[in-house]
Every structure is written in structure tokens, then in C-alpha cells.
Amino acid sequence: MEKVNEVHEELHQWDKEVLKRSPARIKALQKDLERLRRELMNEANSAAQKEVMIRIELLLEQEEIHWVQRARAN
């Protein structure tokens, strides 16, 4: 029973960190992207913009999957 309770607590912690913080992380990445777009364009800046855009897309995809699964559960 102790192991089950530990897993239960760890899953709740993971849920808070990974799923519930997604909108905040997306907003932070969008701010980073806007900051990068305002800077002088060079190769490093372009690569950084692509990296941030990929991370945003992955988070949006994770959020969409979360809501699809949630809809199925309900």
C-alpha cells in the first residue's frame, strides 16, 4: 500500500509539473520568440528561433493530446 501511495503522489506531482504548467511554458516561449525576432537577424538567432518554435509546437501538441484524452475519459 505504501508503494501505491508513493506512485500516486509522484503522478500528481508529474501532472502539476508537466500538464498543468504547459500554458505558462508556452507563454514564456512565445515571449522568448518575440524577443529573438526583435534582435538583429543572424545565423545563431535564426537557429534559436527555430528551436523555440519547435518547442512551442511540441507543447501545443502535448496539450492537444491531453484534451483529447480528457474528452474521451469524460
N, C-alpha and C. Protein backbone atom coordinates (compact mmCIF):
# COMPACT_ATOMS: atom_id res chain seq x y z
N MET A 1 0.83 -1.19 0.00
CA MET A 1 0.00 0.00 0.00
C MET A 1 0.87 1.26 0.00
N GLU A 2 2.00 1.17 0.68
CA GLU A 2 2.91 2.31 0.75
C GLU A 2 3.45 2.66 -0.64
N LYS A 3 3.79 1.63 -1.41
CA LYS A 3 4.29 1.85 -2.77
C LYS A 3 3.23 2.49 -3.65
N VAL A 4 2.00 2.07 -3.52
CA VAL A 4 0.91 2.63 -4.30
C VAL A 4 0.73 4.11 -3.96
N ASN A 5 0.80 4.43 -2.70
CA ASN A 5 0.67 5.82 -2.29
C ASN A 5 1.83 6.67 -2.83
N GLU A 6 3.05 6.11 -2.84
CA GLU A 6 4.20 6.83 -3.39
C GLU A 6 4.00 7.12 -4.87
N VAL A 7 3.56 6.12 -5.61
CA VAL A 7 3.32 6.30 -7.04
C VAL A 7 2.21 7.32 -7.27
N HIS A 8 1.19 7.26 -6.46
CA HIS A 8 0.08 8.20 -6.55
C HIS A 8 0.57 9.63 -6.37
N GLU A 9 1.39 9.86 -5.36
CA GLU A 9 1.93 11.20 -5.11
C GLU A 9 2.85 11.65 -6.24
N GLU A 10 3.68 10.74 -6.74
CA GLU A 10 4.58 11.08 -7.83
C GLU A 10 3.81 11.43 -9.10
N LEU A 11 2.73 10.72 -9.37
CA LEU A 11 1.91 11.02 -10.54
C LEU A 11 1.22 12.38 -10.40
N HIS A 12 0.78 12.71 -9.22
CA HIS A 12 0.18 14.03 -9.01
C HIS A 12 1.22 15.13 -9.21
N GLN A 13 2.42 14.90 -8.72
CA GLN A 13 3.49 15.88 -8.89
C GLN A 13 3.83 16.04 -10.38
N TRP A 14 3.92 14.92 -11.10
CA TRP A 14 4.21 14.96 -12.53
C TRP A 14 3.10 15.70 -13.27
N ASP A 15 1.86 15.45 -12.91
CA ASP A 15 0.72 16.11 -13.54
C ASP A 15 0.83 17.62 -13.38
N LYS A 16 1.17 18.08 -12.19
CA LYS A 16 1.30 19.51 -11.94
C LYS A 16 2.44 20.12 -12.75
N GLU A 17 3.56 19.42 -12.81
CA GLU A 17 4.74 19.96 -13.48
C GLU A 17 4.66 19.89 -15.00
N VAL A 18 4.11 18.82 -15.52
CA VAL A 18 4.14 18.61 -16.96
C VAL A 18 2.87 19.10 -17.65
N LEU A 19 1.74 18.71 -17.17
CA LEU A 19 0.50 19.02 -17.88
C LEU A 19 -0.09 20.38 -17.51
N LYS A 20 -0.10 20.71 -16.27
CA LYS A 20 -0.77 21.94 -15.85
C LYS A 20 0.06 23.19 -16.10
N ARG A 21 1.35 23.05 -16.25
CA ARG A 21 2.20 24.22 -16.50
C ARG A 21 2.40 24.50 -17.98
N SER A 22 1.81 23.70 -18.81
CA SER A 22 2.00 23.85 -20.24
C SER A 22 1.65 25.25 -20.75
N PRO A 23 0.50 25.82 -20.39
CA PRO A 23 0.19 27.17 -20.88
C PRO A 23 1.21 28.22 -20.44
N ALA A 24 1.71 28.11 -19.23
CA ALA A 24 2.70 29.07 -18.74
C ALA A 24 4.01 28.92 -19.52
N ARG A 25 4.40 27.69 -19.80
CA ARG A 25 5.63 27.47 -20.57
C ARG A 25 5.47 27.96 -22.00
N ILE A 26 4.29 27.78 -22.57
CA ILE A 26 4.04 28.26 -23.94
C ILE A 26 4.15 29.78 -23.98
N LYS A 27 3.55 30.46 -23.01
CA LYS A 27 3.63 31.92 -22.97
C LYS A 27 5.06 32.40 -22.83
N ALA A 28 5.83 31.73 -21.97
CA ALA A 28 7.24 32.11 -21.78
C ALA A 28 8.03 31.93 -23.07
N LEU A 29 7.78 30.83 -23.77
CA LEU A 29 8.47 30.59 -25.03
C LEU A 29 8.05 31.60 -26.10
N GLN A 30 6.79 31.98 -26.11
CA GLN A 30 6.33 32.99 -27.07
C GLN A 30 7.00 34.33 -26.81
N LYS A 31 7.19 34.67 -25.54
CA LYS A 31 7.90 35.91 -25.21
C LYS A 31 9.36 35.82 -25.67
N ASP A 32 9.98 34.66 -25.47
CA ASP A 32 11.35 34.47 -25.94
C ASP A 32 11.43 34.62 -27.46
N LEU A 33 10.46 34.05 -28.15
CA LEU A 33 10.44 34.13 -29.60
C LEU A 33 10.29 35.58 -30.06
N GLU A 34 9.42 36.34 -29.43
CA GLU A 34 9.25 37.75 -29.79
C GLU A 34 10.55 38.53 -29.54
N ARG A 35 11.21 38.24 -28.44
CA ARG A 35 12.48 38.90 -28.14
C ARG A 35 13.52 38.57 -29.21
N LEU A 36 13.57 37.31 -29.61
CA LEU A 36 14.52 36.91 -30.65
C LEU A 36 14.21 37.57 -31.99
N ARG A 37 12.94 37.73 -32.28
CA ARG A 37 12.56 38.35 -33.56
C ARG A 37 12.91 39.83 -33.61
N ARG A 38 12.97 40.47 -32.45
CA ARG A 38 13.32 41.89 -32.40
C ARG A 38 14.82 42.12 -32.52
N GLU A 39 15.60 41.09 -32.22
CA GLU A 39 17.05 41.23 -32.29
C GLU A 39 17.53 41.19 -33.73
N LEU A 40 18.79 41.55 -33.89
CA LEU A 40 19.43 41.52 -35.19
C LEU A 40 19.46 40.09 -35.73
N MET A 41 19.08 39.92 -36.98
CA MET A 41 18.99 38.59 -37.56
C MET A 41 20.37 38.10 -37.99
N ASN A 42 20.76 36.96 -37.45
CA ASN A 42 21.98 36.29 -37.87
C ASN A 42 21.74 34.78 -37.79
N GLU A 43 22.76 34.02 -38.08
CA GLU A 43 22.59 32.57 -38.13
C GLU A 43 22.23 31.98 -36.77
N ALA A 44 22.89 32.46 -35.73
CA ALA A 44 22.62 31.95 -34.38
C ALA A 44 21.20 32.32 -33.94
N ASN A 45 20.78 33.52 -34.25
CA ASN A 45 19.45 33.98 -33.89
C ASN A 45 18.40 33.16 -34.63
N SER A 46 18.64 32.90 -35.88
CA SER A 46 17.71 32.12 -36.69
C SER A 46 17.57 30.70 -36.13
N ALA A 47 18.69 30.11 -35.75
CA ALA A 47 18.65 28.76 -35.17
C ALA A 47 17.91 28.76 -33.84
N ALA A 48 18.11 29.79 -33.03
CA ALA A 48 17.42 29.89 -31.75
C ALA A 48 15.91 30.04 -31.96
N GLN A 49 15.52 30.83 -32.97
CA GLN A 49 14.09 31.00 -33.27
C GLN A 49 13.47 29.67 -33.68
N LYS A 50 14.17 28.91 -34.51
CA LYS A 50 13.64 27.61 -34.94
C LYS A 50 13.49 26.67 -33.76
N GLU A 51 14.47 26.68 -32.86
CA GLU A 51 14.41 25.82 -31.68
C GLU A 51 13.22 26.18 -30.79
N VAL A 52 13.00 27.45 -30.57
CA VAL A 52 11.88 27.90 -29.75
C VAL A 52 10.55 27.53 -30.42
N MET A 53 10.46 27.71 -31.71
CA MET A 53 9.23 27.38 -32.44
C MET A 53 8.93 25.89 -32.35
N ILE A 54 9.96 25.06 -32.44
CA ILE A 54 9.77 23.61 -32.32
C ILE A 54 9.27 23.25 -30.92
N ARG A 55 9.85 23.88 -29.90
CA ARG A 55 9.42 23.61 -28.53
C ARG A 55 7.98 24.04 -28.31
N ILE A 56 7.58 25.18 -28.88
CA ILE A 56 6.20 25.63 -28.77
C ILE A 56 5.25 24.64 -29.44
N GLU A 57 5.61 24.20 -30.63
CA GLU A 57 4.77 23.23 -31.34
C GLU A 57 4.62 21.94 -30.57
N LEU A 58 5.70 21.46 -29.95
CA LEU A 58 5.62 20.23 -29.17
C LEU A 58 4.71 20.40 -27.95
N LEU A 59 4.82 21.53 -27.28
CA LEU A 59 3.96 21.78 -26.13
C LEU A 59 2.49 21.89 -26.54
N LEU A 60 2.24 22.55 -27.66
CA LEU A 60 0.86 22.66 -28.15
C LEU A 60 0.30 21.29 -28.52
N GLU A 61 1.14 20.47 -29.11
CA GLU A 61 0.71 19.11 -29.47
C GLU A 61 0.41 18.29 -28.21
N GLN A 62 1.27 18.41 -27.19
CA GLN A 62 1.03 17.70 -25.93
C GLN A 62 -0.27 18.16 -25.29
N GLU A 63 -0.51 19.45 -25.33
CA GLU A 63 -1.74 19.99 -24.74
C GLU A 63 -2.97 19.49 -25.49
N GLU A 64 -2.87 19.43 -26.80
CA GLU A 64 -3.99 18.93 -27.60
C GLU A 64 -4.27 17.46 -27.28
N ILE A 65 -3.22 16.66 -27.18
CA ILE A 65 -3.38 15.25 -26.84
C ILE A 65 -4.01 15.11 -25.47
N HIS A 66 -3.58 15.92 -24.54
CA HIS A 66 -4.14 15.90 -23.19
C HIS A 66 -5.64 16.13 -23.23
N TRP A 67 -6.08 17.14 -23.98
CA TRP A 67 -7.50 17.46 -24.01
C TRP A 67 -8.32 16.42 -24.77
N VAL A 68 -7.72 15.80 -25.78
CA VAL A 68 -8.42 14.72 -26.50
C VAL A 68 -8.63 13.54 -25.56
N GLN A 69 -7.59 13.18 -24.81
CA GLN A 69 -7.71 12.08 -23.86
C GLN A 69 -8.71 12.42 -22.75
N ARG A 70 -8.71 13.63 -22.32
CA ARG A 70 -9.64 14.07 -21.28
C ARG A 70 -11.07 13.98 -21.78
N ALA A 71 -11.29 14.36 -23.04
CA ALA A 71 -12.63 14.30 -23.62
C ALA A 71 -13.11 12.85 -23.71
N ARG A 72 -12.20 11.95 -24.05
CA ARG A 72 -12.57 10.53 -24.11
C ARG A 72 -12.95 10.00 -22.74
N ALA A 73 -12.21 10.43 -21.72
CA ALA A 73 -12.47 9.97 -20.36
C ALA A 73 -13.83 10.45 -19.87
N ASN A 74 -14.19 11.66 -20.28
CA ASN A 74 -15.48 12.20 -19.84
C ASN A 74 -16.61 11.64 -20.68
